[in-house]
Amino acid sequence: WGLWSAGDGMGGELSEADLRRMRQVGIEGLSVE
């Protein structure tokens, strides 16, 4: 799995710097749907 956009789970533990690094290489968060 890639990143999920929901704020809970392991993705919720990522810092803004972590999320920014992922966005910079083109990885977006998955919605539940």
Full PDB file with SEQRES, HELIX, SHEET, SSBOND, CRYST1, ORIGX, SCALE, CONECT and MASTER records, all heavy atoms in Angstrom:
SEQRES   1 A   33  TRP GLY LEU TRP SER ALA GLY ASP GLY MET GLY GLY GLU          
SEQRES   2 A   33  LEU SER GLU ALA ASP LEU ARG ARG MET ARG GLN VAL GLY          
SEQRES   3 A   33  ILE GLU GLY LEU SER VAL GLU                                  
HELIX    1 AA1 MET A   10  GLU A   13  5                                   4    
HELIX    2 AA2 GLU A   16  GLN A   24  1                                   9    
CRYST1    1.000    1.000    1.000  90.00  90.00  90.00 P 1           1          
ORIGX1      1.000000  0.000000  0.000000        0.00000                         
ORIGX2      0.000000  1.000000  0.000000        0.00000                         
ORIGX3      0.000000  0.000000  1.000000        0.00000                         
SCALE1      1.000000  0.000000  0.000000        0.00000                         
SCALE2      0.000000  1.000000  0.000000        0.00000                         
SCALE3      0.000000  0.000000  1.000000        0.00000                         
ATOM      1  N   TRP A   1       0.808  -1.216   0.000  1.00  0.00           N  
ATOM      2  CA  TRP A   1       0.000   0.000   0.000  1.00  0.00           C  
ATOM      3  C   TRP A   1       0.842   1.268   0.000  1.00  0.00           C  
ATOM      4  O   TRP A   1       1.890   1.337   0.649  1.00  0.00           O  
ATOM      5  CB  TRP A   1      -0.910   0.024   1.231  1.00  0.00           C  
ATOM      6  CG  TRP A   1      -2.017  -0.977   1.192  1.00  0.00           C  
ATOM      7  CD1 TRP A   1      -2.069  -2.169   1.864  1.00  0.00           C  
ATOM      8  CD2 TRP A   1      -3.232  -0.881   0.451  1.00  0.00           C  
ATOM      9  NE1 TRP A   1      -3.242  -2.831   1.570  1.00  0.00           N  
ATOM     10  CE2 TRP A   1      -3.978  -2.056   0.708  1.00  0.00           C  
ATOM     11  CE3 TRP A   1      -3.767   0.076  -0.416  1.00  0.00           C  
ATOM     12  CZ2 TRP A   1      -5.227  -2.300   0.134  1.00  0.00           C  
ATOM     13  CZ3 TRP A   1      -5.015  -0.160  -0.983  1.00  0.00           C  
ATOM     14  CH2 TRP A   1      -5.733  -1.339  -0.714  1.00  0.00           C  
ATOM     15  N   GLY A   2       0.346   2.255  -0.719  1.00  0.00           N  
ATOM     16  CA  GLY A   2       0.879   3.599  -0.602  1.00  0.00           C  
ATOM     17  C   GLY A   2       0.220   4.309   0.558  1.00  0.00           C  
ATOM     18  O   GLY A   2      -0.513   3.706   1.353  1.00  0.00           O  
ATOM     19  N   LEU A   3       0.461   5.605   0.654  1.00  0.00           N  
ATOM     20  CA  LEU A   3      -0.087   6.415   1.744  1.00  0.00           C  
ATOM     21  C   LEU A   3      -1.607   6.502   1.651  1.00  0.00           C  
ATOM     22  O   LEU A   3      -2.163   6.642   0.566  1.00  0.00           O  
ATOM     23  CB  LEU A   3       0.507   7.825   1.664  1.00  0.00           C  
ATOM     24  CG  LEU A   3      -0.018   8.855   2.664  1.00  0.00           C  
ATOM     25  CD1 LEU A   3       0.444   8.512   4.074  1.00  0.00           C  
ATOM     26  CD2 LEU A   3       0.443  10.251   2.271  1.00  0.00           C  
ATOM     27  N   TRP A   4      -2.274   6.413   2.801  1.00  0.00           N  
ATOM     28  CA  TRP A   4      -3.711   6.680   2.889  1.00  0.00           C  
ATOM     29  C   TRP A   4      -3.878   8.097   3.430  1.00  0.00           C  
ATOM     30  O   TRP A   4      -3.133   8.539   4.304  1.00  0.00           O  
ATOM     31  CB  TRP A   4      -4.408   5.686   3.809  1.00  0.00           C  
ATOM     32  CG  TRP A   4      -4.551   4.313   3.215  1.00  0.00           C  
ATOM     33  CD1 TRP A   4      -3.537   3.453   2.893  1.00  0.00           C  
ATOM     34  CD2 TRP A   4      -5.772   3.659   2.852  1.00  0.00           C  
ATOM     35  NE1 TRP A   4      -4.049   2.299   2.355  1.00  0.00           N  
ATOM     36  CE2 TRP A   4      -5.415   2.384   2.322  1.00  0.00           C  
ATOM     37  CE3 TRP A   4      -7.117   3.998   2.931  1.00  0.00           C  
ATOM     38  CZ2 TRP A   4      -6.371   1.480   1.874  1.00  0.00           C  
ATOM     39  CZ3 TRP A   4      -8.060   3.082   2.492  1.00  0.00           C  
ATOM     40  CH2 TRP A   4      -7.690   1.838   1.952  1.00  0.00           C  
ATOM     41  N   SER A   5      -4.864   8.802   2.911  1.00  0.00           N  
ATOM     42  CA  SER A   5      -5.041  10.205   3.294  1.00  0.00           C  
ATOM     43  C   SER A   5      -5.740  10.367   4.630  1.00  0.00           C  
ATOM     44  O   SER A   5      -5.714  11.442   5.224  1.00  0.00           O  
ATOM     45  CB  SER A   5      -5.827  10.960   2.216  1.00  0.00           C  
ATOM     46  OG  SER A   5      -7.085  10.342   1.981  1.00  0.00           O  
ATOM     47  N   ALA A   6      -6.385   9.322   5.131  1.00  0.00           N  
ATOM     48  CA  ALA A   6      -7.039   9.413   6.439  1.00  0.00           C  
ATOM     49  C   ALA A   6      -6.002   9.723   7.510  1.00  0.00           C  
ATOM     50  O   ALA A   6      -4.873   9.241   7.465  1.00  0.00           O  
ATOM     51  CB  ALA A   6      -7.761   8.105   6.757  1.00  0.00           C  
ATOM     52  N   GLY A   7      -6.387  10.522   8.485  1.00  0.00           N  
ATOM     53  CA  GLY A   7      -5.437  10.977   9.501  1.00  0.00           C  
ATOM     54  C   GLY A   7      -5.123   9.963  10.570  1.00  0.00           C  
ATOM     55  O   GLY A   7      -4.296  10.219  11.437  1.00  0.00           O  
ATOM     56  N   ASP A   8      -5.779   8.799  10.547  1.00  0.00           N  
ATOM     57  CA  ASP A   8      -5.496   7.790  11.568  1.00  0.00           C  
ATOM     58  C   ASP A   8      -4.526   6.759  11.008  1.00  0.00           C  
ATOM     59  O   ASP A   8      -4.043   6.869   9.893  1.00  0.00           O  
ATOM     60  CB  ASP A   8      -6.795   7.125  12.042  1.00  0.00           C  
ATOM     61  CG  ASP A   8      -7.607   6.558  10.874  1.00  0.00           C  
ATOM     62  OD1 ASP A   8      -7.141   6.672   9.722  1.00  0.00           O  
ATOM     63  OD2 ASP A   8      -8.703   6.021  11.107  1.00  0.00           O  
ATOM     64  N   GLY A   9      -4.259   5.743  11.805  1.00  0.00           N  
ATOM     65  CA  GLY A   9      -3.324   4.711  11.357  1.00  0.00           C  
ATOM     66  C   GLY A   9      -1.902   5.236  11.305  1.00  0.00           C  
ATOM     67  O   GLY A   9      -1.566   6.284  11.860  1.00  0.00           O  
ATOM     68  N   MET A  10      -1.033   4.513  10.601  1.00  0.00           N  
ATOM     69  CA  MET A  10       0.386   4.876  10.547  1.00  0.00           C  
ATOM     70  C   MET A  10       0.587   6.193   9.815  1.00  0.00           C  
ATOM     71  O   MET A  10       1.517   6.940  10.107  1.00  0.00           O  
ATOM     72  CB  MET A  10       1.185   3.764   9.882  1.00  0.00           C  
ATOM     73  CG  MET A  10       1.132   2.449  10.650  1.00  0.00           C  
ATOM     74  SD  MET A  10       2.160   1.182   9.916  1.00  0.00           S  
ATOM     75  CE  MET A  10       3.775   1.754  10.375  1.00  0.00           C  
ATOM     76  N   GLY A  11      -0.281   6.481   8.816  1.00  0.00           N  
ATOM     77  CA  GLY A  11      -0.157   7.752   8.101  1.00  0.00           C  
ATOM     78  C   GLY A  11      -0.325   8.954   9.009  1.00  0.00           C  
ATOM     79  O   GLY A  11       0.245  10.014   8.770  1.00  0.00           O  
ATOM     80  N   GLY A  12      -1.103   8.776  10.079  1.00  0.00           N  
ATOM     81  CA  GLY A  12      -1.307   9.868  11.019  1.00  0.00           C  
ATOM     82  C   GLY A  12      -0.079  10.188  11.838  1.00  0.00           C  
ATOM     83  O   GLY A  12      -0.018  11.248  12.473  1.00  0.00           O  
ATOM     84  N   GLU A  13       0.907   9.277  11.833  1.00  0.00           N  
ATOM     85  CA  GLU A  13       2.139   9.511  12.594  1.00  0.00           C  
ATOM     86  C   GLU A  13       3.191  10.257  11.775  1.00  0.00           C  
ATOM     87  O   GLU A  13       4.228  10.644  12.304  1.00  0.00           O  
ATOM     88  CB  GLU A  13       2.723   8.174  13.049  1.00  0.00           C  
ATOM     89  CG  GLU A  13       1.794   7.374  13.958  1.00  0.00           C  
ATOM     90  CD  GLU A  13       2.379   6.027  14.332  1.00  0.00           C  
ATOM     91  OE1 GLU A  13       3.595   5.854  14.157  1.00  0.00           O  
ATOM     92  OE2 GLU A  13       1.625   5.157  14.801  1.00  0.00           O  
ATOM     93  N   LEU A  14       2.920  10.444  10.488  1.00  0.00           N  
ATOM     94  CA  LEU A  14       3.893  11.128   9.640  1.00  0.00           C  
ATOM     95  C   LEU A  14       3.898  12.622   9.928  1.00  0.00           C  
ATOM     96  O   LEU A  14       2.849  13.236  10.120  1.00  0.00           O  
ATOM     97  CB  LEU A  14       3.562  10.882   8.163  1.00  0.00           C  
ATOM     98  CG  LEU A  14       3.636   9.435   7.672  1.00  0.00           C  
ATOM     99  CD1 LEU A  14       3.178   9.340   6.230  1.00  0.00           C  
ATOM    100  CD2 LEU A  14       5.055   8.897   7.808  1.00  0.00           C  
ATOM    101  N   SER A  15       5.089  13.199   9.932  1.00  0.00           N  
ATOM    102  CA  SER A  15       5.210  14.644  10.128  1.00  0.00           C  
ATOM    103  C   SER A  15       4.910  15.367   8.819  1.00  0.00           C  
ATOM    104  O   SER A  15       4.843  14.751   7.749  1.00  0.00           O  
ATOM    105  CB  SER A  15       6.634  14.991  10.591  1.00  0.00           C  
ATOM    106  OG  SER A  15       7.563  14.725   9.542  1.00  0.00           O  
ATOM    107  N   GLU A  16       4.759  16.674   8.893  1.00  0.00           N  
ATOM    108  CA  GLU A  16       4.531  17.454   7.684  1.00  0.00           C  
ATOM    109  C   GLU A  16       5.724  17.329   6.742  1.00  0.00           C  
ATOM    110  O   GLU A  16       5.557  17.296   5.516  1.00  0.00           O  
ATOM    111  CB  GLU A  16       4.307  18.927   8.039  1.00  0.00           C  
ATOM    112  CG  GLU A  16       4.056  19.834   6.837  1.00  0.00           C  
ATOM    113  CD  GLU A  16       2.898  19.359   5.963  1.00  0.00           C  
ATOM    114  OE1 GLU A  16       1.901  18.859   6.504  1.00  0.00           O  
ATOM    115  OE2 GLU A  16       3.021  19.466   4.719  1.00  0.00           O  
ATOM    116  N   ALA A  17       6.931  17.220   7.301  1.00  0.00           N  
ATOM    117  CA  ALA A  17       8.120  17.039   6.463  1.00  0.00           C  
ATOM    118  C   ALA A  17       8.058  15.711   5.717  1.00  0.00           C  
ATOM    119  O   ALA A  17       8.410  15.628   4.540  1.00  0.00           O  
ATOM    120  CB  ALA A  17       9.385  17.104   7.323  1.00  0.00           C  
ATOM    121  N   ASP A  18       7.587  14.648   6.405  1.00  0.00           N  
ATOM    122  CA  ASP A  18       7.453  13.340   5.752  1.00  0.00           C  
ATOM    123  C   ASP A  18       6.456  13.415   4.596  1.00  0.00           C  
ATOM    124  O   ASP A  18       6.717  12.903   3.497  1.00  0.00           O  
ATOM    125  CB  ASP A  18       6.974  12.290   6.760  1.00  0.00           C  
ATOM    126  CG  ASP A  18       7.982  12.025   7.861  1.00  0.00           C  
ATOM    127  OD1 ASP A  18       9.192  12.090   7.581  1.00  0.00           O  
ATOM    128  OD2 ASP A  18       7.559  11.763   8.999  1.00  0.00           O  
ATOM    129  N   LEU A  19       5.317  14.054   4.855  1.00  0.00           N  
ATOM    130  CA  LEU A  19       4.284  14.166   3.821  1.00  0.00           C  
ATOM    131  C   LEU A  19       4.779  15.003   2.647  1.00  0.00           C  
ATOM    132  O   LEU A  19       4.484  14.703   1.484  1.00  0.00           O  
ATOM    133  CB  LEU A  19       3.019  14.784   4.420  1.00  0.00           C  
ATOM    134  CG  LEU A  19       2.314  13.942   5.499  1.00  0.00           C  
ATOM    135  CD1 LEU A  19       1.186  14.733   6.137  1.00  0.00           C  
ATOM    136  CD2 LEU A  19       1.776  12.646   4.901  1.00  0.00           C  
ATOM    137  N   ARG A  20       5.542  16.059   2.951  1.00  0.00           N  
ATOM    138  CA  ARG A  20       6.071  16.912   1.886  1.00  0.00           C  
ATOM    139  C   ARG A  20       7.039  16.133   1.008  1.00  0.00           C  
ATOM    140  O   ARG A  20       7.013  16.271  -0.224  1.00  0.00           O  
ATOM    141  CB  ARG A  20       6.775  18.136   2.483  1.00  0.00           C  
ATOM    142  CG  ARG A  20       7.256  19.126   1.425  1.00  0.00           C  
ATOM    143  CD  ARG A  20       7.926  20.329   2.050  1.00  0.00           C  
ATOM    144  NE  ARG A  20       9.145  19.979   2.762  1.00  0.00           N  
ATOM    145  CZ  ARG A  20       9.275  20.002   4.075  1.00  0.00           C  
ATOM    146  NH1 ARG A  20       8.251  20.330   4.848  1.00  0.00           N  
ATOM    147  NH2 ARG A  20      10.421  19.664   4.662  1.00  0.00           N  
ATOM    148  N   ARG A  21       7.888  15.297   1.598  1.00  0.00           N  
ATOM    149  CA  ARG A  21       8.815  14.492   0.801  1.00  0.00           C  
ATOM    150  C   ARG A  21       8.058  13.572  -0.151  1.00  0.00           C  
ATOM    151  O   ARG A  21       8.469  13.367  -1.290  1.00  0.00           O  
ATOM    152  CB  ARG A  21       9.706  13.648   1.723  1.00  0.00           C  
ATOM    153  CG  ARG A  21      10.726  14.445   2.504  1.00  0.00           C  
ATOM    154  CD  ARG A  21      11.696  13.531   3.235  1.00  0.00           C  
ATOM    155  NE  ARG A  21      12.460  14.288   4.208  1.00  0.00           N  
ATOM    156  CZ  ARG A  21      12.235  14.264   5.516  1.00  0.00           C  
ATOM    157  NH1 ARG A  21      11.272  13.495   5.997  1.00  0.00           N  
ATOM    158  NH2 ARG A  21      12.952  15.000   6.341  1.00  0.00           N  
ATOM    159  N   MET A  22       6.959  13.019   0.332  1.00  0.00           N  
ATOM    160  CA  MET A  22       6.191  12.104  -0.508  1.00  0.00           C  
ATOM    161  C   MET A  22       5.509  12.858  -1.648  1.00  0.00           C  
ATOM    162  O   MET A  22       5.491  12.389  -2.792  1.00  0.00           O  
ATOM    163  CB  MET A  22       5.169  11.348   0.346  1.00  0.00           C  
ATOM    164  CG  MET A  22       5.804  10.509   1.436  1.00  0.00           C  
ATOM    165  SD  MET A  22       4.618   9.573   2.422  1.00  0.00           S  
ATOM    166  CE  MET A  22       4.313   8.195   1.329  1.00  0.00           C  
ATOM    167  N   ARG A  23       4.967  14.030  -1.338  1.00  0.00           N  
ATOM    168  CA  ARG A  23       4.323  14.813  -2.396  1.00  0.00           C  
ATOM    169  C   ARG A  23       5.327  15.263  -3.441  1.00  0.00           C  
ATOM    170  O   ARG A  23       5.010  15.350  -4.630  1.00  0.00           O  
ATOM    171  CB  ARG A  23       3.604  16.032  -1.795  1.00  0.00           C  
ATOM    172  CG  ARG A  23       2.360  15.681  -0.983  1.00  0.00           C  
ATOM    173  CD  ARG A  23       1.551  16.920  -0.687  1.00  0.00           C  
ATOM    174  NE  ARG A  23       2.278  17.874   0.141  1.00  0.00           N  
ATOM    175  CZ  ARG A  23       2.214  17.906   1.474  1.00  0.00           C  
ATOM    176  NH1 ARG A  23       1.440  17.038   2.123  1.00  0.00           N  
ATOM    177  NH2 ARG A  23       2.900  18.798   2.170  1.00  0.00           N  
ATOM    178  N   GLN A  24       6.558  15.531  -3.017  1.00  0.00           N  
ATOM    179  CA  GLN A  24       7.572  16.014  -3.952  1.00  0.00           C  
ATOM    180  C   GLN A  24       7.948  14.968  -4.992  1.00  0.00           C  
ATOM    181  O   GLN A  24       8.429  15.320  -6.066  1.00  0.00           O  
ATOM    182  CB  GLN A  24       8.826  16.458  -3.177  1.00  0.00           C  
ATOM    183  CG  GLN A  24       8.644  17.789  -2.453  1.00  0.00           C  
ATOM    184  CD  GLN A  24       9.838  18.144  -1.577  1.00  0.00           C  
ATOM    185  OE1 GLN A  24      10.644  17.279  -1.228  1.00  0.00           O  
ATOM    186  NE2 GLN A  24       9.970  19.405  -1.214  1.00  0.00           N  
ATOM    187  N   VAL A  25       7.739  13.689  -4.687  1.00  0.00           N  
ATOM    188  CA  VAL A  25       8.026  12.648  -5.681  1.00  0.00           C  
ATOM    189  C   VAL A  25       6.747  12.101  -6.297  1.00  0.00           C  
ATOM    190  O   VAL A  25       6.762  11.074  -6.973  1.00  0.00           O  
ATOM    191  CB  VAL A  25       8.864  11.497  -5.075  1.00  0.00           C  
ATOM    192  CG1 VAL A  25      10.215  11.996  -4.638  1.00  0.00           C  
ATOM    193  CG2 VAL A  25       8.128  10.814  -3.922  1.00  0.00           C  
ATOM    194  N   GLY A  26       5.609  12.777  -6.068  1.00  0.00           N  
ATOM    195  CA  GLY A  26       4.387  12.434  -6.764  1.00  0.00           C  
ATOM    196  C   GLY A  26       3.505  11.406  -6.092  1.00  0.00           C  
ATOM    197  O   GLY A  26       2.660  10.793  -6.749  1.00  0.00           O  
ATOM    198  N   ILE A  27       3.660  11.191  -4.785  1.00  0.00           N  
ATOM    199  CA  ILE A  27       2.809  10.239  -4.060  1.00  0.00           C  
ATOM    200  C   ILE A  27       1.732  11.002  -3.302  1.00  0.00           C  
ATOM    201  O   ILE A  27       2.035  11.842  -2.453  1.00  0.00           O  
ATOM    202  CB  ILE A  27       3.636   9.393  -3.079  1.00  0.00           C  
ATOM    203  CG1 ILE A  27       4.680   8.575  -3.837  1.00  0.00           C  
ATOM    204  CG2 ILE A  27       2.728   8.479  -2.263  1.00  0.00           C  
ATOM    205  CD1 ILE A  27       5.604   7.781  -2.948  1.00  0.00           C  
ATOM    206  N   GLU A  28       0.477  10.720  -3.619  1.00  0.00           N  
ATOM    207  CA  GLU A  28      -0.658  11.341  -2.955  1.00  0.00           C  
ATOM    208  C   GLU A  28      -1.332  10.339  -2.032  1.00  0.00           C  
ATOM    209  O   GLU A  28      -1.121   9.118  -2.134  1.00  0.00           O  
ATOM    210  CB  GLU A  28      -1.663  11.836  -4.002  1.00  0.00           C  
ATOM    211  CG  GLU A  28      -1.108  12.905  -4.941  1.00  0.00           C  
ATOM    212  CD  GLU A  28      -0.916  14.252  -4.260  1.00  0.00           C  
ATOM    213  OE1 GLU A  28      -1.486  14.431  -3.160  1.00  0.00           O  
ATOM    214  OE2 GLU A  28      -0.207  15.111  -4.813  1.00  0.00           O  
ATOM    215  N   GLY A  29      -2.158  10.845  -1.141  1.00  0.00           N  
ATOM    216  CA  GLY A  29      -2.867   9.970  -0.215  1.00  0.00           C  
ATOM    217  C   GLY A  29      -4.088   9.324  -0.862  1.00  0.00           C  
ATOM    218  O   GLY A  29      -4.786   9.944  -1.671  1.00  0.00           O  
ATOM    219  N   LEU A  30      -4.362   8.071  -0.501  1.00  0.00           N  
ATOM    220  CA  LEU A  30      -5.538   7.351  -0.969  1.00  0.00           C  
ATOM    221  C   LEU A  30      -6.736   7.664  -0.091  1.00  0.00           C  
ATOM    222  O   LEU A  30      -6.642   7.615   1.142  1.00  0.00           O  
ATOM    223  CB  LEU A  30      -5.296   5.837  -0.919  1.00  0.00           C  
ATOM    224  CG  LEU A  30      -4.437   5.191  -2.003  1.00  0.00           C  
ATOM    225  CD1 LEU A  30      -4.053   3.782  -1.564  1.00  0.00           C  
ATOM    226  CD2 LEU A  30      -5.207   5.147  -3.303  1.00  0.00           C  
ATOM    227  N   SER A  31      -7.882   7.965  -0.701  1.00  0.00           N  
ATOM    228  CA  SER A  31      -9.115   8.052   0.069  1.00  0.00           C  
ATOM    229  C   SER A  31      -9.556   6.632   0.409  1.00  0.00           C  
ATOM    230  O   SER A  31      -9.121   5.654  -0.214  1.00  0.00           O  
ATOM    231  CB  SER A  31     -10.210   8.754  -0.750  1.00  0.00           C  
ATOM    232  OG  SER A  31     -10.565   7.965  -1.882  1.00  0.00           O  
ATOM    233  N   VAL A  32     -10.430   6.503   1.395  1.00  0.00           N  
ATOM    234  CA  VAL A  32     -10.936   5.187   1.769  1.00  0.00           C  
ATOM    235  C   VAL A  32     -11.646   4.540   0.584  1.00  0.00           C  
ATOM    236  O   VAL A  32     -11.446   3.354   0.282  1.00  0.00           O  
ATOM    237  CB  VAL A  32     -11.881   5.295   2.980  1.00  0.00           C  
ATOM    238  CG1 VAL A  32     -12.551   3.945   3.261  1.00  0.00           C  
ATOM    239  CG2 VAL A  32     -11.109   5.770   4.210  1.00  0.00           C  
ATOM    240  N   GLU A  33     -12.450   5.335  -0.112  1.00  0.00           N  
ATOM    241  CA  GLU A  33     -13.193   4.789  -1.250  1.00  0.00           C  
ATOM    242  C   GLU A  33     -12.242   4.287  -2.337  1.00  0.00           C  
ATOM    243  O   GLU A  33     -12.423   3.194  -2.887  1.00  0.00           O  
ATOM    244  CB  GLU A  33     -14.137   5.855  -1.825  1.00  0.00           C  
ATOM    245  CG  GLU A  33     -15.268   6.273  -0.907  1.00  0.00           C  
ATOM    246  CD  GLU A  33     -14.814   7.190   0.224  1.00  0.00           C  
ATOM    247  OE1 GLU A  33     -13.700   7.764   0.117  1.00  0.00           O  
ATOM    248  OE2 GLU A  33     -15.567   7.326   1.211  1.00  0.00           O  
TER     249      GLU A  33                                                      
MASTER        0    0    0    2    0    0    0    6  248    1    0    3          
END                                                                             
